C-alpha atoms as a PDB file:
ATOM      1  CA  MET A   1      91.898 185.378 171.166  1.00  0.00           C
ATOM      2  CA  GLU A   2      95.335 186.115 172.620  1.00  0.00           C
ATOM      3  CA  ASN A   3      94.341 185.859 176.283  1.00  0.00           C
ATOM      4  CA  SER A   4      92.585 182.537 175.722  1.00  0.00           C
ATOM      5  CA  ARG A   5      95.681 181.055 174.101  1.00  0.00           C
ATOM      6  CA  THR A   6      97.964 182.117 176.955  1.00  0.00           C
ATOM      7  CA  ASP A   7      95.430 180.968 179.574  1.00  0.00           C
ATOM      8  CA  THR A   8      95.200 177.564 177.908  1.00  0.00           C
ATOM      9  CA  GLN A   9      98.985 177.304 177.694  1.00  0.00           C
ATOM     10  CA  SER A  10      99.347 177.975 181.416  1.00  0.00           C
ATOM     11  CA  VAL A  11      96.671 175.408 182.298  1.00  0.00           C
ATOM     12  CA  GLN A  12      98.308 172.796 180.077  1.00  0.00           C
ATOM     13  CA  GLU A  13     101.635 173.451 181.800  1.00  0.00           C
ATOM     14  CA  VAL A  14     100.004 173.020 185.197  1.00  0.00           C
ATOM     15  CA  LEU A  15      98.626 169.640 184.108  1.00  0.00           C
ATOM     16  CA  GLY A  16     101.694 168.705 182.082  1.00  0.00           C
ATOM     17  CA  GLY A  17     102.421 165.338 183.677  1.00  0.00           C
ATOM     18  CA  SER A  18      98.908 163.926 183.752  1.00  0.00           C
ATOM     19  CA  ALA A  19      97.132 161.587 181.374  1.00  0.00           C
ATOM     20  CA  VAL A  20      94.764 164.376 180.364  1.00  0.00           C
ATOM     21  CA  GLN A  21      95.288 165.741 176.867  1.00  0.00           C
ATOM     22  CA  LYS A  22      92.219 167.864 176.076  1.00  0.00           C
ATOM     23  CA  VAL A  23      92.401 171.056 178.120  1.00  0.00           C
ATOM     24  CA  GLY A  24      90.891 174.479 177.459  1.00  0.00           C
ATOM     25  CA  SER A  25      90.087 177.693 179.296  1.00  0.00           C
ATOM     26  CA  PHE A  26      86.977 179.809 179.795  1.00  0.00           C
ATOM     27  CA  ARG A  27      86.039 183.197 181.228  1.00  0.00           C
ATOM     28  CA  TYR A  28      82.736 184.879 182.097  1.00  0.00           C
ATOM     29  CA  LEU A  29      82.242 188.628 182.689  1.00  0.00           C
ATOM     30  CA  ILE A  30      79.190 189.474 184.784  1.00  0.00           C
ATOM     31  CA  ALA A  31      78.579 193.084 183.686  1.00  0.00           C
ATOM     32  CA  GLN A  32      78.638 192.173 180.002  1.00  0.00           C
ATOM     33  CA  ASP A  33      76.945 188.777 180.544  1.00  0.00           C
ATOM     34  CA  GLN A  34      79.621 187.516 178.185  1.00  0.00           C
ATOM     35  CA  TRP A  35      81.385 184.152 177.948  1.00  0.00           C
ATOM     36  CA  HIS A  36      84.718 183.470 176.265  1.00  0.00           C
ATOM     37  CA  TRP A  37      86.058 179.994 175.610  1.00  0.00           C
ATOM     38  CA  SER A  38      89.234 178.717 174.019  1.00  0.00           C
ATOM     39  CA  ASP A  39      89.234 176.715 170.808  1.00  0.00           C
ATOM     40  CA  GLU A  40      89.752 173.560 172.877  1.00  0.00           C
ATOM     41  CA  VAL A  41      86.574 174.121 174.905  1.00  0.00           C
ATOM     42  CA  ALA A  42      84.653 174.854 171.707  1.00  0.00           C
ATOM     43  CA  ALA A  43      85.915 171.539 170.291  1.00  0.00           C
ATOM     44  CA  ILE A  44      84.828 169.636 173.408  1.00  0.00           C
ATOM     45  CA  HIS A  45      81.310 170.954 172.749  1.00  0.00           C
ATOM     46  CA  GLY A  46      81.566 169.944 169.074  1.00  0.00           C
ATOM     47  CA  TYR A  47      82.195 173.367 167.519  1.00  0.00           C
ATOM     48  CA  GLY A  48      84.997 174.693 165.358  1.00  0.00           C
ATOM     49  CA  ALA A  49      87.103 177.694 166.347  1.00  0.00           C
ATOM     50  CA  GLY A  50      84.988 180.851 166.197  1.00  0.00           C
ATOM     51  CA  GLU A  51      81.957 178.948 164.905  1.00  0.00           C
ATOM     52  CA  VAL A  52      79.655 180.056 167.704  1.00  0.00           C
ATOM     53  CA  SER A  53      79.721 182.572 170.545  1.00  0.00           C
ATOM     54  CA  PRO A  54      79.074 180.837 173.873  1.00  0.00           C
ATOM     55  CA  THR A  55      76.164 181.956 176.048  1.00  0.00           C
ATOM     56  CA  THR A  56      74.837 180.769 179.386  1.00  0.00           C
ATOM     57  CA  GLU A  57      71.878 179.159 177.629  1.00  0.00           C
ATOM     58  CA  LEU A  58      74.125 177.332 175.150  1.00  0.00           C
ATOM     59  CA  LEU A  59      76.455 176.022 177.843  1.00  0.00           C
ATOM     60  CA  LEU A  60      73.603 174.756 180.013  1.00  0.00           C
ATOM     61  CA  ALA A  61      71.929 173.175 176.991  1.00  0.00           C
ATOM     62  CA  HIS A  62      75.047 171.044 176.490  1.00  0.00           C
ATOM     63  CA  LYS A  63      75.071 169.774 180.087  1.00  0.00           C
ATOM     64  CA  HIS A  64      73.779 166.246 180.516  1.00  0.00           C
ATOM     65  CA  PRO A  65      70.157 166.470 181.735  1.00  0.00           C
ATOM     66  CA  ASP A  66      71.003 164.545 184.904  1.00  0.00           C
ATOM     67  CA  ASP A  67      73.849 166.961 185.763  1.00  0.00           C
ATOM     68  CA  ARG A  68      72.440 170.294 184.583  1.00  0.00           C
ATOM     69  CA  GLU A  69      70.773 171.445 187.813  1.00  0.00           C
ATOM     70  CA  ARG A  70      73.839 170.671 189.946  1.00  0.00           C
ATOM     71  CA  VAL A  71      76.204 172.540 187.606  1.00  0.00           C
ATOM     72  CA  GLU A  72      73.868 175.532 187.360  1.00  0.00           C
ATOM     73  CA  ARG A  73      73.726 175.700 191.164  1.00  0.00           C
ATOM     74  CA  ALA A  74      77.544 175.662 191.429  1.00  0.00           C
ATOM     75  CA  ILE A  75      77.857 178.502 188.913  1.00  0.00           C
ATOM     76  CA  ASP A  76      75.205 180.534 190.751  1.00  0.00           C
ATOM     77  CA  ASP A  77      77.082 180.071 194.047  1.00  0.00           C
ATOM     78  CA  LEU A  78      80.271 181.388 192.471  1.00  0.00           C
ATOM     79  CA  LEU A  79      78.650 184.419 190.854  1.00  0.00           C
ATOM     80  CA  ARG A  80      76.499 185.344 193.876  1.00  0.00           C
ATOM     81  CA  GLU A  81      78.871 184.489 196.722  1.00  0.00           C
ATOM     82  CA  GLY A  82      82.298 184.390 195.086  1.00  0.00           C
ATOM     83  CA  LYS A  83      82.832 180.697 195.848  1.00  0.00           C
ATOM     84  CA  SER A  84      85.344 178.744 193.781  1.00  0.00           C
ATOM     85  CA  PHE A  85      84.111 175.462 192.358  1.00  0.00           C
ATOM     86  CA  SER A  86      85.235 172.225 190.781  1.00  0.00           C
ATOM     87  CA  SER A  87      82.827 169.818 189.180  1.00  0.00           C
ATOM     88  CA  ARG A  88      83.008 166.522 187.389  1.00  0.00           C
ATOM     89  CA  HIS A  89      79.983 166.165 185.125  1.00  0.00           C
ATOM     90  CA  ARG A  90      78.890 165.216 181.630  1.00  0.00           C
ATOM     91  CA  ILE A  91      78.288 167.344 178.571  1.00  0.00           C
ATOM     92  CA  VAL A  92      76.640 166.308 175.322  1.00  0.00           C
ATOM     93  CA  ASP A  93      78.317 167.755 172.232  1.00  0.00           C
ATOM     94  CA  ARG A  94      76.428 168.863 169.129  1.00  0.00           C
ATOM     95  CA  ARG A  95      76.827 165.373 167.611  1.00  0.00           C
ATOM     96  CA  GLY A  96      75.232 163.744 170.637  1.00  0.00           C
ATOM     97  CA  GLN A  97      78.475 162.312 172.018  1.00  0.00           C
ATOM     98  CA  VAL A  98      78.751 162.327 175.822  1.00  0.00           C
ATOM     99  CA  HIS A  99      81.959 163.753 177.332  1.00  0.00           C
ATOM    100  CA  HIS A 100      83.018 163.316 180.944  1.00  0.00           C
ATOM    101  CA  VAL A 101      84.624 166.614 181.946  1.00  0.00           C
ATOM    102  CA  LEU A 102      86.298 168.238 184.905  1.00  0.00           C
ATOM    103  CA  VAL A 103      85.569 171.965 185.218  1.00  0.00           C
ATOM    104  CA  VAL A 104      87.481 174.143 187.684  1.00  0.00           C
ATOM    105  CA  GLY A 105      86.394 177.757 188.147  1.00  0.00           C
ATOM    106  CA  ASP A 106      87.692 180.573 190.315  1.00  0.00           C
ATOM    107  CA  ARG A 107      86.495 184.091 191.054  1.00  0.00           C
ATOM    108  CA  LEU A 108      87.692 186.822 188.672  1.00  0.00           C
ATOM    109  CA  THR A 109      88.235 190.200 190.348  1.00  0.00           C
ATOM    110  CA  ASP A 110      89.151 193.728 189.323  1.00  0.00           C
ATOM    111  CA  PRO A 111      92.148 195.591 190.841  1.00  0.00           C
ATOM    112  CA  SER A 112      90.006 196.645 193.825  1.00  0.00           C
ATOM    113  CA  GLY A 113      89.115 193.034 194.625  1.00  0.00           C
ATOM    114  CA  SER A 114      85.481 193.284 193.509  1.00  0.00           C
ATOM    115  CA  LEU A 115      83.988 190.205 191.851  1.00  0.00           C
ATOM    116  CA  ILE A 116      83.573 190.734 188.099  1.00  0.00           C
ATOM    117  CA  GLY A 117      83.219 187.162 186.852  1.00  0.00           C
ATOM    118  CA  THR A 118      84.759 183.732 186.798  1.00  0.00           C
ATOM    119  CA  GLU A 119      87.547 181.995 184.901  1.00  0.00           C
ATOM    120  CA  GLY A 120      88.987 178.516 184.841  1.00  0.00           C
ATOM    121  CA  PHE A 121      89.470 175.455 182.693  1.00  0.00           C
ATOM    122  CA  TYR A 122      87.837 172.355 181.233  1.00  0.00           C
ATOM    123  CA  VAL A 123      89.504 168.955 181.093  1.00  0.00           C
ATOM    124  CA  ASP A 124      87.974 166.302 178.823  1.00  0.00           C
ATOM    125  CA  LEU A 125      88.270 163.053 180.783  1.00  0.00           C
ATOM    126  CA  THR A 126      86.394 160.919 178.271  1.00  0.00           C
ATOM    127  CA  ASP A 127      89.445 158.903 177.182  1.00  0.00           C
ATOM    128  CA  VAL A 128      90.903 158.504 180.665  1.00  0.00           C
ATOM    129  CA  HIS A 129      90.445 155.086 182.260  1.00  0.00           C
ATOM    130  CA  GLU A 130      87.937 155.107 185.117  1.00  0.00           C
ATOM    131  CA  GLY A 131      90.586 153.975 187.601  1.00  0.00           C
ATOM    132  CA  GLU A 132      92.617 157.125 186.887  1.00  0.00           C
ATOM    133  CA  LEU A 133      89.760 159.634 187.088  1.00  0.00           C
ATOM    134  CA  LYS A 134      89.816 160.511 190.786  1.00  0.00           C
ATOM    135  CA  GLU A 135      93.616 160.675 190.970  1.00  0.00           C
ATOM    136  CA  THR A 136      93.771 162.835 187.847  1.00  0.00           C
ATOM    137  CA  MET A 137      91.004 165.140 189.061  1.00  0.00           C
ATOM    138  CA  ASP A 138      92.486 165.646 192.532  1.00  0.00           C
ATOM    139  CA  ALA A 139      95.963 166.299 191.137  1.00  0.00           C
ATOM    140  CA  ALA A 140      94.630 168.741 188.546  1.00  0.00           C
ATOM    141  CA  VAL A 141      92.727 170.826 191.100  1.00  0.00           C
ATOM    142  CA  LYS A 142      95.629 170.866 193.567  1.00  0.00           C
ATOM    143  CA  ASP A 143      98.241 171.723 190.940  1.00  0.00           C
ATOM    144  CA  PHE A 144      96.061 174.466 189.489  1.00  0.00           C
ATOM    145  CA  ALA A 145      95.647 176.132 192.886  1.00  0.00           C
ATOM    146  CA  VAL A 146      99.348 175.895 193.790  1.00  0.00           C
ATOM    147  CA  SER A 147     100.554 177.063 190.392  1.00  0.00           C
ATOM    148  CA  ARG A 148      98.108 179.939 190.230  1.00  0.00           C
ATOM    149  CA  ALA A 149      99.273 181.190 193.639  1.00  0.00           C
ATOM    150  CA  VAL A 150     102.979 181.274 192.761  1.00  0.00           C
ATOM    151  CA  ILE A 151     102.307 182.788 189.323  1.00  0.00           C
ATOM    152  CA  GLU A 152     100.274 185.554 190.992  1.00  0.00           C
ATOM    153  CA  GLN A 153     103.186 186.210 193.380  1.00  0.00           C
ATOM    154  CA  ALA A 154     105.633 186.533 190.493  1.00  0.00           C
ATOM    155  CA  LYS A 155     103.215 188.790 188.616  1.00  0.00           C
ATOM    156  CA  GLY A 156     102.935 191.040 191.665  1.00  0.00           C
ATOM    157  CA  MET A 157     106.715 191.349 191.887  1.00  0.00           C
ATOM    158  CA  LEU A 158     106.956 192.389 188.232  1.00  0.00           C
ATOM    159  CA  MET A 159     104.110 194.872 188.683  1.00  0.00           C
ATOM    160  CA  LEU A 160     105.899 196.470 191.645  1.00  0.00           C
ATOM    161  CA  VAL A 161     109.350 196.616 190.082  1.00  0.00           C
ATOM    162  CA  TYR A 162     108.369 197.698 186.567  1.00  0.00           C
ATOM    163  CA  GLY A 163     105.184 199.661 187.297  1.00  0.00           C
ATOM    164  CA  ILE A 164     103.107 197.567 184.888  1.00  0.00           C
ATOM    165  CA  ASN A 165      99.605 196.101 185.173  1.00  0.00           C
ATOM    166  CA  ALA A 166      98.689 192.451 185.759  1.00  0.00           C
ATOM    167  CA  ASP A 167      98.123 191.611 182.085  1.00  0.00           C
ATOM    168  CA  ARG A 168     101.497 192.993 181.024  1.00  0.00           C
ATOM    169  CA  ALA A 169     103.212 191.200 183.899  1.00  0.00           C
ATOM    170  CA  PHE A 170     101.685 187.920 182.726  1.00  0.00           C
ATOM    171  CA  ASP A 171     102.808 188.707 179.164  1.00  0.00           C
ATOM    172  CA  VAL A 172     106.393 189.148 180.398  1.00  0.00           C
ATOM    173  CA  LEU A 173     106.310 185.852 182.286  1.00  0.00           C
ATOM    174  CA  THR A 174     104.819 184.047 179.289  1.00  0.00           C
ATOM    175  CA  TRP A 175     107.456 185.541 176.975  1.00  0.00           C
ATOM    176  CA  ARG A 176     110.311 184.403 179.215  1.00  0.00           C
ATOM    177  CA  SER A 177     108.679 180.987 179.539  1.00  0.00           C
ATOM    178  CA  GLN A 178     108.601 180.612 175.763  1.00  0.00           C
ATOM    179  CA  GLN A 179     112.060 182.096 175.207  1.00  0.00           C
ATOM    180  CA  THR A 180     113.715 179.783 177.722  1.00  0.00           C
ATOM    181  CA  ASN A 181     111.479 176.738 177.131  1.00  0.00           C
ATOM    182  CA  THR A 182     110.655 176.719 180.846  1.00  0.00           C
ATOM    183  CA  LYS A 183     107.268 175.875 182.315  1.00  0.00           C
ATOM    184  CA  LEU A 184     105.463 178.976 183.533  1.00  0.00           C
ATOM    185  CA  ARG A 185     105.054 177.549 187.023  1.00  0.00           C
ATOM    186  CA  THR A 186     108.772 176.708 187.280  1.00  0.00           C
ATOM    187  CA  LEU A 187     109.757 180.167 186.064  1.00  0.00           C
ATOM    188  CA  ALA A 188     107.447 181.819 188.620  1.00  0.00           C
ATOM    189  CA  GLN A 189     108.733 179.605 191.445  1.00  0.00           C
ATOM    190  CA  ASN A 190     112.331 180.509 190.598  1.00  0.00           C
ATOM    191  CA  ILE A 191     111.559 184.240 190.534  1.00  0.00           C
ATOM    192  CA  VAL A 192     109.763 184.145 193.891  1.00  0.00           C
ATOM    193  CA  ALA A 193     112.488 182.042 195.527  1.00  0.00           C
ATOM    194  CA  SER A 194     115.268 184.273 194.181  1.00  0.00           C
ATOM    195  CA  VAL A 195     113.617 187.540 195.216  1.00  0.00           C
ATOM    196  CA  ASN A 196     112.666 186.537 198.765  1.00  0.00           C
ATOM    197  CA  GLY A 197     115.341 187.957 201.062  1.00  0.00           C
ATOM    198  CA  ASN A 198     117.799 188.546 198.220  1.00  0.00           C
ATOM    199  CA  VAL A 199     116.669 191.873 196.751  1.00  0.00           C
ATOM    200  CA  PRO A 200     117.728 194.777 198.996  1.00  0.00           C
ATOM    201  CA  PHE A 201     115.544 197.844 199.553  1.00  0.00           C
ATOM    202  CA  ASP A 202     117.004 201.139 200.734  1.00  0.00           C
ATOM    203  CA  ASP A 203     115.658 202.883 203.829  1.00  0.00           C
ATOM    204  CA  GLU A 204     113.678 205.411 201.807  1.00  0.00           C
ATOM    205  CA  SER A 205     111.835 202.649 199.925  1.00  0.00           C
ATOM    206  CA  ARG A 206     111.094 200.807 203.158  1.00  0.00           C
ATOM    207  CA  GLN A 207     109.796 203.981 204.810  1.00  0.00           C
ATOM    208  CA  MET A 208     107.541 204.645 201.824  1.00  0.00           C
ATOM    209  CA  PHE A 209     106.145 201.119 202.029  1.00  0.00           C
ATOM    210  CA  ASP A 210     105.751 201.450 205.809  1.00  0.00           C
ATOM    211  CA  HIS A 211     103.516 204.438 205.168  1.00  0.00           C
ATOM    212  CA  LEU A 212     101.535 202.591 202.483  1.00  0.00           C
ATOM    213  CA  LEU A 213     100.989 199.648 204.813  1.00  0.00           C
ATOM    214  CA  LEU A 214      99.830 201.804 207.714  1.00  0.00           C
ATOM    215  CA  THR A 215      97.425 203.825 205.546  1.00  0.00           C
ATOM    216  CA  ALA A 216      96.113 200.917 203.428  1.00  0.00           C
ATOM    217  CA  HIS A 217      92.729 201.116 205.210  1.00  0.00           C
ATOM    218  CA  GLN A 218      92.208 204.534 203.599  1.00  0.00           C
ATOM    219  CA  SER A 219      91.570 205.313 199.955  1.00  0.00           C
ATOM    220  CA  PRO A 220      94.737 206.391 198.054  1.00  0.00           C
ATOM    221  CA  ASP A 221      93.368 209.954 197.718  1.00  0.00           C
ATOM    222  CA  ASP A 222      92.677 210.267 201.461  1.00  0.00           C
ATOM    223  CA  ALA A 223      96.098 208.877 202.338  1.00  0.00           C
ATOM    224  CA  ALA A 224      97.804 211.287 199.936  1.00  0.00           C
ATOM    225  CA  ALA A 225      95.856 214.244 201.357  1.00  0.00           C
ATOM    226  CA  GLN A 226      96.754 213.263 204.908  1.00  0.00           C
ATOM    227  CA  ASN A 227     100.404 212.887 203.973  1.00  0.00           C
ATOM    228  CA  SER A 228     100.383 216.260 202.216  1.00  0.00           C
ATOM    229  CA  GLY A 229      98.786 217.915 205.245  1.00  0.00           C
ATOM    230  CA  SER A 230     101.353 216.415 207.592  1.00  0.00           C
ATOM    231  CA  SER A 231     104.191 217.605 205.389  1.00  0.00           C
ATOM    232  CA  GLY A 232     102.735 221.113 205.174  1.00  0.00           C
ATOM    233  CA  GLY A 233     102.293 221.351 208.910  1.00  0.00           C
ATOM    234  CA  GLY A 234     105.940 220.544 209.515  1.00  0.00           C
END
């Protein structure tokens, strides 16, 4: 799946300097009750690419019995209250091998900001020495949060300038990252730093944005109607 590959690539870039090698992404959509996982996450659970479609029941069945209730509670908190989560726990793959994993999940929203699911990544920590686990886990969570924020800023700039949606903006960033052999986070940081204070806007553009800012509490249709009425009355 194209989105899973690009999601995994971005997560791997975020964690590029760590000792962790096995990284994969996941996504869950509430309305469809549908999970997606990357080939790497499937492999951590002992499955080949496309061998099985993940479900909530399957994922929970692979959690270590001693960790299952805690993980299920964290997922419920995210889906009911929109809380982000990070968890270090154990999963048991289909061959019975125990994996120590770090799972980081964040709320997934639609353009209006409504919660529609969760997405995040798995890190297989099984081969990492115990002394490195906490340092690796803390760094991974921190780097993921920082990188995601700056990538979202760069995406927003591309959406504004080119009039494209979030997925296409991410595609453009990923393309430039691959073309220039530059980490996605670095590329996004450079775009944000270069744009801030260096891209001029004419008075008309500023006035238009002033109006958008001051009417943002209204729906777009109401704001447009009010603006049309004001123009007609003049």
